[in-house]
Amino acid sequence: MASIKTAISIQKALYEQVDQMARELNVSRSRIFVMAVEEFIQRYQNQQLLQQINQAYDDMPPAEEQVYLDKMRQQHRQVVNREW
């Protein structure tokens, strides 16, 4: 995959932390930034997926109605079981 150079501005204290971490992990500073961005993107995508799942379940009936639906299902099962 092709790499693209970019320039970013960060606080000096953060730069020093990244520089120290890069030395400790024996990787480049660029690699530290790439790893951080990859993790950020993954978390963001997971949050988006969770929101979509939650929206899909938002149309669930209210609790009171759910009680009636459960009773109807039980009665339906009893009727079906008697017929078979």
PDB file of N, CA and C in Angstrom:
ATOM      1  N   MET A   1       0.834  -1.167   0.000  1.00  0.00           N
ATOM      2  CA  MET A   1       0.000   0.000   0.000  1.00  0.00           C
ATOM      3  C   MET A   1       0.885   1.237   0.000  1.00  0.00           C
ATOM      4  N   ALA A   2       0.448   2.218  -0.742  1.00  0.00           N
ATOM      5  CA  ALA A   2       1.221   3.455  -0.845  1.00  0.00           C
ATOM      6  C   ALA A   2       1.124   4.267   0.433  1.00  0.00           C
ATOM      7  N   SER A   3       2.197   4.916   0.766  1.00  0.00           N
ATOM      8  CA  SER A   3       2.216   5.782   1.945  1.00  0.00           C
ATOM      9  C   SER A   3       2.181   7.230   1.504  1.00  0.00           C
ATOM     10  N   ILE A   4       1.568   8.052   2.313  1.00  0.00           N
ATOM     11  CA  ILE A   4       1.486   9.484   2.029  1.00  0.00           C
ATOM     12  C   ILE A   4       2.060  10.221   3.223  1.00  0.00           C
ATOM     13  N   LYS A   5       2.942  11.150   2.946  1.00  0.00           N
ATOM     14  CA  LYS A   5       3.509  11.960   4.023  1.00  0.00           C
ATOM     15  C   LYS A   5       2.535  13.077   4.351  1.00  0.00           C
ATOM     16  N   THR A   6       2.472  13.389   5.626  1.00  0.00           N
ATOM     17  CA  THR A   6       1.624  14.489   6.074  1.00  0.00           C
ATOM     18  C   THR A   6       2.313  15.186   7.233  1.00  0.00           C
ATOM     19  N   ALA A   7       1.972  16.415   7.445  1.00  0.00           N
ATOM     20  CA  ALA A   7       2.526  17.168   8.568  1.00  0.00           C
ATOM     21  C   ALA A   7       1.395  17.461   9.543  1.00  0.00           C
ATOM     22  N   ILE A   8       1.682  17.268  10.810  1.00  0.00           N
ATOM     23  CA  ILE A   8       0.700  17.574  11.843  1.00  0.00           C
ATOM     24  C   ILE A   8       1.363  18.441  12.902  1.00  0.00           C
ATOM     25  N   SER A   9       0.542  19.159  13.622  1.00  0.00           N
ATOM     26  CA  SER A   9       1.043  19.972  14.725  1.00  0.00           C
ATOM     27  C   SER A   9       0.501  19.382  16.015  1.00  0.00           C
ATOM     28  N   ILE A  10       1.395  19.129  16.963  1.00  0.00           N
ATOM     29  CA  ILE A  10       0.989  18.605  18.262  1.00  0.00           C
ATOM     30  C   ILE A  10       1.744  19.350  19.356  1.00  0.00           C
ATOM     31  N   GLN A  11       1.236  19.251  20.549  1.00  0.00           N
ATOM     32  CA  GLN A  11       1.912  19.887  21.671  1.00  0.00           C
ATOM     33  C   GLN A  11       3.251  19.197  21.917  1.00  0.00           C
ATOM     34  N   LYS A  12       4.199  19.978  22.395  1.00  0.00           N
ATOM     35  CA  LYS A  12       5.543  19.458  22.629  1.00  0.00           C
ATOM     36  C   LYS A  12       5.538  18.290  23.614  1.00  0.00           C
ATOM     37  N   ALA A  13       4.737  18.387  24.670  1.00  0.00           N
ATOM     38  CA  ALA A  13       4.682  17.318  25.674  1.00  0.00           C
ATOM     39  C   ALA A  13       4.193  16.009  25.046  1.00  0.00           C
ATOM     40  N   LEU A  14       3.208  16.106  24.175  1.00  0.00           N
ATOM     41  CA  LEU A  14       2.699  14.911  23.507  1.00  0.00           C
ATOM     42  C   LEU A  14       3.754  14.336  22.566  1.00  0.00           C
ATOM     43  N   TYR A  15       4.429  15.204  21.832  1.00  0.00           N
ATOM     44  CA  TYR A  15       5.508  14.764  20.949  1.00  0.00           C
ATOM     45  C   TYR A  15       6.567  13.996  21.736  1.00  0.00           C
ATOM     46  N   GLU A  16       6.929  14.518  22.883  1.00  0.00           N
ATOM     47  CA  GLU A  16       7.957  13.858  23.694  1.00  0.00           C
ATOM     48  C   GLU A  16       7.494  12.488  24.180  1.00  0.00           C
ATOM     49  N   GLN A  17       6.222  12.380  24.531  1.00  0.00           N
ATOM     50  CA  GLN A  17       5.690  11.081  24.945  1.00  0.00           C
ATOM     51  C   GLN A  17       5.710  10.088  23.789  1.00  0.00           C
ATOM     52  N   VAL A  18       5.326  10.549  22.609  1.00  0.00           N
ATOM     53  CA  VAL A  18       5.333   9.685  21.428  1.00  0.00           C
ATOM     54  C   VAL A  18       6.759   9.267  21.100  1.00  0.00           C
ATOM     55  N   ASP A  19       7.670  10.210  21.174  1.00  0.00           N
ATOM     56  CA  ASP A  19       9.070   9.913  20.878  1.00  0.00           C
ATOM     57  C   ASP A  19       9.620   8.864  21.849  1.00  0.00           C
ATOM     58  N   GLN A  20       9.319   9.032  23.132  1.00  0.00           N
ATOM     59  CA  GLN A  20       9.771   8.063  24.139  1.00  0.00           C
ATOM     60  C   GLN A  20       9.156   6.685  23.884  1.00  0.00           C
ATOM     61  N   MET A  21       7.873   6.662  23.598  1.00  0.00           N
ATOM     62  CA  MET A  21       7.200   5.389  23.343  1.00  0.00           C
ATOM     63  C   MET A  21       7.782   4.704  22.104  1.00  0.00           C
ATOM     64  N   ALA A  22       8.051   5.467  21.070  1.00  0.00           N
ATOM     65  CA  ALA A  22       8.624   4.904  19.848  1.00  0.00           C
ATOM     66  C   ALA A  22       9.969   4.242  20.134  1.00  0.00           C
ATOM     67  N   ARG A  23      10.783   4.899  20.948  1.00  0.00           N
ATOM     68  CA  ARG A  23      12.088   4.314  21.314  1.00  0.00           C
ATOM     69  C   ARG A  23      11.892   3.021  22.103  1.00  0.00           C
ATOM     70  N   GLU A  24      10.959   3.059  23.075  1.00  0.00           N
ATOM     71  CA  GLU A  24      10.715   1.873  23.903  1.00  0.00           C
ATOM     72  C   GLU A  24      10.200   0.690  23.087  1.00  0.00           C
ATOM     73  N   LEU A  25       9.344   0.985  22.115  1.00  0.00           N
ATOM     74  CA  LEU A  25       8.758  -0.074  21.288  1.00  0.00           C
ATOM     75  C   LEU A  25       9.613  -0.403  20.063  1.00  0.00           C
ATOM     76  N   ASN A  26      10.658   0.385  19.881  1.00  0.00           N
ATOM     77  CA  ASN A  26      11.555   0.206  18.743  1.00  0.00           C
ATOM     78  C   ASN A  26      10.803   0.293  17.401  1.00  0.00           C
ATOM     79  N   VAL A  27       9.950   1.315  17.317  1.00  0.00           N
ATOM     80  CA  VAL A  27       9.224   1.602  16.079  1.00  0.00           C
ATOM     81  C   VAL A  27       9.374   3.096  15.798  1.00  0.00           C
ATOM     82  N   SER A  28       8.976   3.488  14.621  1.00  0.00           N
ATOM     83  CA  SER A  28       9.071   4.911  14.270  1.00  0.00           C
ATOM     84  C   SER A  28       7.921   5.696  14.909  1.00  0.00           C
ATOM     85  N   ARG A  29       8.121   6.995  15.014  1.00  0.00           N
ATOM     86  CA  ARG A  29       7.034   7.846  15.504  1.00  0.00           C
ATOM     87  C   ARG A  29       5.844   7.759  14.557  1.00  0.00           C
ATOM     88  N   SER A  30       6.123   7.676  13.282  1.00  0.00           N
ATOM     89  CA  SER A  30       5.037   7.554  12.310  1.00  0.00           C
ATOM     90  C   SER A  30       4.190   6.321  12.600  1.00  0.00           C
ATOM     91  N   ARG A  31       4.856   5.236  12.957  1.00  0.00           N
ATOM     92  CA  ARG A  31       4.129   3.995  13.251  1.00  0.00           C
ATOM     93  C   ARG A  31       3.224   4.175  14.475  1.00  0.00           C
ATOM     94  N   ILE A  32       3.693   4.907  15.470  1.00  0.00           N
ATOM     95  CA  ILE A  32       2.876   5.183  16.656  1.00  0.00           C
ATOM     96  C   ILE A  32       1.609   5.932  16.242  1.00  0.00           C
ATOM     97  N   PHE A  33       1.766   6.952  15.404  1.00  0.00           N
ATOM     98  CA  PHE A  33       0.606   7.713  14.961  1.00  0.00           C
ATOM     99  C   PHE A  33      -0.340   6.853  14.129  1.00  0.00           C
ATOM    100  N   VAL A  34       0.197   6.026  13.267  1.00  0.00           N
ATOM    101  CA  VAL A  34      -0.640   5.141  12.455  1.00  0.00           C
ATOM    102  C   VAL A  34      -1.427   4.196  13.361  1.00  0.00           C
ATOM    103  N   MET A  35      -0.761   3.604  14.343  1.00  0.00           N
ATOM    104  CA  MET A  35      -1.443   2.687  15.262  1.00  0.00           C
ATOM    105  C   MET A  35      -2.563   3.417  16.016  1.00  0.00           C
ATOM    106  N   ALA A  36      -2.294   4.644  16.441  1.00  0.00           N
ATOM    107  CA  ALA A  36      -3.301   5.416  17.173  1.00  0.00           C
ATOM    108  C   ALA A  36      -4.505   5.731  16.288  1.00  0.00           C
ATOM    109  N   VAL A  37      -4.256   6.126  15.055  1.00  0.00           N
ATOM    110  CA  VAL A  37      -5.346   6.455  14.142  1.00  0.00           C
ATOM    111  C   VAL A  37      -6.147   5.196  13.794  1.00  0.00           C
ATOM    112  N   GLU A  38      -5.455   4.084  13.573  1.00  0.00           N
ATOM    113  CA  GLU A  38      -6.164   2.829  13.282  1.00  0.00           C
ATOM    114  C   GLU A  38      -7.093   2.449  14.435  1.00  0.00           C
ATOM    115  N   GLU A  39      -6.604   2.572  15.647  1.00  0.00           N
ATOM    116  CA  GLU A  39      -7.432   2.240  16.811  1.00  0.00           C
ATOM    117  C   GLU A  39      -8.605   3.212  16.928  1.00  0.00           C
ATOM    118  N   PHE A  40      -8.362   4.482  16.688  1.00  0.00           N
ATOM    119  CA  PHE A  40      -9.426   5.480  16.747  1.00  0.00           C
ATOM    120  C   PHE A  40     -10.515   5.165  15.726  1.00  0.00           C
ATOM    121  N   ILE A  41     -10.103   4.835  14.510  1.00  0.00           N
ATOM    122  CA  ILE A  41     -11.065   4.508  13.453  1.00  0.00           C
ATOM    123  C   ILE A  41     -11.866   3.270  13.831  1.00  0.00           C
ATOM    124  N   GLN A  42     -11.211   2.246  14.367  1.00  0.00           N
ATOM    125  CA  GLN A  42     -11.906   1.027  14.766  1.00  0.00           C
ATOM    126  C   GLN A  42     -12.941   1.314  15.855  1.00  0.00           C
ATOM    127  N   ARG A  43     -12.569   2.123  16.831  1.00  0.00           N
ATOM    128  CA  ARG A  43     -13.515   2.486  17.903  1.00  0.00           C
ATOM    129  C   ARG A  43     -14.693   3.268  17.339  1.00  0.00           C
ATOM    130  N   TYR A  44     -14.404   4.178  16.437  1.00  0.00           N
ATOM    131  CA  TYR A  44     -15.463   4.970  15.825  1.00  0.00           C
ATOM    132  C   TYR A  44     -16.427   4.074  15.059  1.00  0.00           C
ATOM    133  N   GLN A  45     -15.893   3.155  14.273  1.00  0.00           N
ATOM    134  CA  GLN A  45     -16.741   2.242  13.509  1.00  0.00           C
ATOM    135  C   GLN A  45     -17.566   1.354  14.438  1.00  0.00           C
ATOM    136  N   ASN A  46     -16.981   0.911  15.532  1.00  0.00           N
ATOM    137  CA  ASN A  46     -17.724   0.105  16.499  1.00  0.00           C
ATOM    138  C   ASN A  46     -18.868   0.908  17.116  1.00  0.00           C
ATOM    139  N   GLN A  47     -18.616   2.179  17.417  1.00  0.00           N
ATOM    140  CA  GLN A  47     -19.671   3.034  17.965  1.00  0.00           C
ATOM    141  C   GLN A  47     -20.795   3.228  16.955  1.00  0.00           C
ATOM    142  N   GLN A  48     -20.430   3.412  15.697  1.00  0.00           N
ATOM    143  CA  GLN A  48     -21.441   3.568  14.653  1.00  0.00           C
ATOM    144  C   GLN A  48     -22.294   2.309  14.526  1.00  0.00           C
ATOM    145  N   LEU A  49     -21.643   1.156  14.561  1.00  0.00           N
ATOM    146  CA  LEU A  49     -22.373  -0.107  14.481  1.00  0.00           C
ATOM    147  C   LEU A  49     -23.302  -0.266  15.673  1.00  0.00           C
ATOM    148  N   LEU A  50     -22.836   0.061  16.853  1.00  0.00           N
ATOM    149  CA  LEU A  50     -23.665  -0.027  18.053  1.00  0.00           C
ATOM    150  C   LEU A  50     -24.872   0.895  17.941  1.00  0.00           C
ATOM    151  N   GLN A  51     -24.682   2.088  17.417  1.00  0.00           N
ATOM    152  CA  GLN A  51     -25.802   3.009  17.219  1.00  0.00           C
ATOM    153  C   GLN A  51     -26.824   2.421  16.246  1.00  0.00           C
ATOM    154  N   GLN A  52     -26.348   1.792  15.178  1.00  0.00           N
ATOM    155  CA  GLN A  52     -27.257   1.190  14.215  1.00  0.00           C
ATOM    156  C   GLN A  52     -28.039   0.040  14.842  1.00  0.00           C
ATOM    157  N   ILE A  53     -27.360  -0.763  15.640  1.00  0.00           N
ATOM    158  CA  ILE A  53     -28.037  -1.869  16.321  1.00  0.00           C
ATOM    159  C   ILE A  53     -29.080  -1.326  17.288  1.00  0.00           C
ATOM    160  N   ASN A  54     -28.708  -0.309  18.058  1.00  0.00           N
ATOM    161  CA  ASN A  54     -29.653   0.282  19.010  1.00  0.00           C
ATOM    162  C   ASN A  54     -30.858   0.886  18.297  1.00  0.00           C
ATOM    163  N   GLN A  55     -30.625   1.524  17.159  1.00  0.00           N
ATOM    164  CA  GLN A  55     -31.736   2.091  16.389  1.00  0.00           C
ATOM    165  C   GLN A  55     -32.652   1.002  15.864  1.00  0.00           C
ATOM    166  N   ALA A  56     -32.088  -0.125  15.487  1.00  0.00           N
ATOM    167  CA  ALA A  56     -32.897  -1.227  14.986  1.00  0.00           C
ATOM    168  C   ALA A  56     -33.821  -1.767  16.074  1.00  0.00           C
ATOM    169  N   TYR A  57     -33.371  -1.708  17.313  1.00  0.00           N
ATOM    170  CA  TYR A  57     -34.179  -2.207  18.419  1.00  0.00           C
ATOM    171  C   TYR A  57     -35.043  -1.123  19.059  1.00  0.00           C
ATOM    172  N   ASP A  58     -34.918   0.108  18.607  1.00  0.00           N
ATOM    173  CA  ASP A  58     -35.727   1.191  19.151  1.00  0.00           C
ATOM    174  C   ASP A  58     -37.209   1.030  18.850  1.00  0.00           C
ATOM    175  N   ASP A  59     -37.533   0.271  17.806  1.00  0.00           N
ATOM    176  CA  ASP A  59     -38.934   0.132  17.444  1.00  0.00           C
ATOM    177  C   ASP A  59     -39.620  -1.022  18.192  1.00  0.00           C
ATOM    178  N   MET A  60     -38.995  -1.496  19.233  1.00  0.00           N
ATOM    179  CA  MET A  60     -39.596  -2.537  20.059  1.00  0.00           C
ATOM    180  C   MET A  60     -40.823  -1.958  20.760  1.00  0.00           C
ATOM    181  N   PRO A  61     -41.831  -2.800  20.983  1.00  0.00           N
ATOM    182  CA  PRO A  61     -43.035  -2.288  21.650  1.00  0.00           C
ATOM    183  C   PRO A  61     -42.759  -1.909  23.097  1.00  0.00           C
ATOM    184  N   PRO A  62     -43.594  -1.042  23.643  1.00  0.00           N
ATOM    185  CA  PRO A  62     -43.433  -0.679  25.057  1.00  0.00           C
ATOM    186  C   PRO A  62     -43.575  -1.922  25.943  1.00  0.00           C
ATOM    187  N   ALA A  63     -43.079  -1.838  27.159  1.00  0.00           N
ATOM    188  CA  ALA A  63     -43.077  -2.990  28.073  1.00  0.00           C
ATOM    189  C   ALA A  63     -44.478  -3.530  28.290  1.00  0.00           C
ATOM    190  N   GLU A  64     -45.461  -2.654  28.428  1.00  0.00           N
ATOM    191  CA  GLU A  64     -46.837  -3.110  28.654  1.00  0.00           C
ATOM    192  C   GLU A  64     -47.336  -3.941  27.479  1.00  0.00           C
ATOM    193  N   GLU A  65     -47.058  -3.468  26.286  1.00  0.00           N
ATOM    194  CA  GLU A  65     -47.491  -4.189  25.096  1.00  0.00           C
ATOM    195  C   GLU A  65     -46.733  -5.500  24.949  1.00  0.00           C
ATOM    196  N   GLN A  66     -45.476  -5.498  25.337  1.00  0.00           N
ATOM    197  CA  GLN A  66     -44.664  -6.714  25.254  1.00  0.00           C
ATOM    198  C   GLN A  66     -45.257  -7.819  26.132  1.00  0.00           C
ATOM    199  N   VAL A  67     -45.816  -7.464  27.281  1.00  0.00           N
ATOM    200  CA  VAL A  67     -46.451  -8.448  28.171  1.00  0.00           C
ATOM    201  C   VAL A  67     -47.598  -9.125  27.442  1.00  0.00           C
ATOM    202  N   TYR A  68     -48.428  -8.344  26.761  1.00  0.00           N
ATOM    203  CA  TYR A  68     -49.543  -8.917  26.016  1.00  0.00           C
ATOM    204  C   TYR A  68     -49.063  -9.807  24.873  1.00  0.00           C
ATOM    205  N   LEU A  69     -48.045  -9.362  24.176  1.00  0.00           N
ATOM    206  CA  LEU A  69     -47.497 -10.166  23.078  1.00  0.00           C
ATOM    207  C   LEU A  69     -46.961 -11.504  23.591  1.00  0.00           C
ATOM    208  N   ASP A  70     -46.293 -11.482  24.736  1.00  0.00           N
ATOM    209  CA  ASP A  70     -45.775 -12.727  25.317  1.00  0.00           C
ATOM    210  C   ASP A  70     -46.904 -13.680  25.672  1.00  0.00           C
ATOM    211  N   LYS A  71     -47.991 -13.145  26.244  1.00  0.00           N
ATOM    212  CA  LYS A  71     -49.147 -13.983  26.590  1.00  0.00           C
ATOM    213  C   LYS A  71     -49.769 -14.572  25.327  1.00  0.00           C
ATOM    214  N   MET A  72     -49.867 -13.763  24.279  1.00  0.00           N
ATOM    215  CA  MET A  72     -50.429 -14.252  23.015  1.00  0.00           C
ATOM    216  C   MET A  72     -49.570 -15.372  22.446  1.00  0.00           C
ATOM    217  N   ARG A  73     -48.275 -15.233  22.530  1.00  0.00           N
ATOM    218  CA  ARG A  73     -47.383 -16.281  22.019  1.00  0.00           C
ATOM    219  C   ARG A  73     -47.555 -17.576  22.801  1.00  0.00           C
ATOM    220  N   GLN A  74     -47.684 -17.457  24.114  1.00  0.00           N
ATOM    221  CA  GLN A  74     -47.885 -18.649  24.950  1.00  0.00           C
ATOM    222  C   GLN A  74     -49.187 -19.343  24.572  1.00  0.00           C
ATOM    223  N   GLN A  75     -50.258 -18.574  24.397  1.00  0.00           N
ATOM    224  CA  GLN A  75     -51.540 -19.158  24.020  1.00  0.00           C
ATOM    225  C   GLN A  75     -51.453 -19.807  22.643  1.00  0.00           C
ATOM    226  N   HIS A  76     -50.766 -19.151  21.749  1.00  0.00           N
ATOM    227  CA  HIS A  76     -50.611 -19.694  20.396  1.00  0.00           C
ATOM    228  C   HIS A  76     -49.860 -21.016  20.438  1.00  0.00           C
ATOM    229  N   ARG A  77     -48.800 -21.079  21.239  1.00  0.00           N
ATOM    230  CA  ARG A  77     -48.042 -22.330  21.382  1.00  0.00           C
ATOM    231  C   ARG A  77     -48.928 -23.451  21.918  1.00  0.00           C
ATOM    232  N   GLN A  78     -49.748 -23.124  22.892  1.00  0.00           N
ATOM    233  CA  GLN A  78     -50.642 -24.134  23.471  1.00  0.00           C
ATOM    234  C   GLN A  78     -51.616 -24.657  22.428  1.00  0.00           C
ATOM    235  N   VAL A  79     -52.166 -23.759  21.635  1.00  0.00           N
ATOM    236  CA  VAL A  79     -53.107 -24.162  20.573  1.00  0.00           C
ATOM    237  C   VAL A  79     -52.395 -25.040  19.551  1.00  0.00           C
ATOM    238  N   VAL A  80     -51.228 -24.640  19.127  1.00  0.00           N
ATOM    239  CA  VAL A  80     -50.474 -25.408  18.128  1.00  0.00           C
ATOM    240  C   VAL A  80     -50.090 -26.770  18.679  1.00  0.00           C
ATOM    241  N   ASN A  81     -49.638 -26.809  19.916  1.00  0.00           N
ATOM    242  CA  ASN A  81     -49.229 -28.084  20.517  1.00  0.00           C
ATOM    243  C   ASN A  81     -50.413 -29.040  20.648  1.00  0.00           C
ATOM    244  N   ARG A  82     -51.612 -28.542  20.956  1.00  0.00           N
ATOM    245  CA  ARG A  82     -52.801 -29.395  21.047  1.00  0.00           C
ATOM    246  C   ARG A  82     -53.178 -29.960  19.695  1.00  0.00           C
ATOM    247  N   GLU A  83     -53.006 -29.167  18.646  1.00  0.00           N
ATOM    248  CA  GLU A  83     -53.387 -29.621  17.317  1.00  0.00           C
ATOM    249  C   GLU A  83     -52.415 -30.638  16.743  1.00  0.00           C
ATOM    250  N   TRP A  84     -51.184 -30.619  17.162  1.00  0.00           N
ATOM    251  CA  TRP A  84     -50.183 -31.536  16.624  1.00  0.00           C
ATOM    252  C   TRP A  84     -50.015 -32.673  17.575  1.00  0.00           C
TER     253      TRP A  84
END
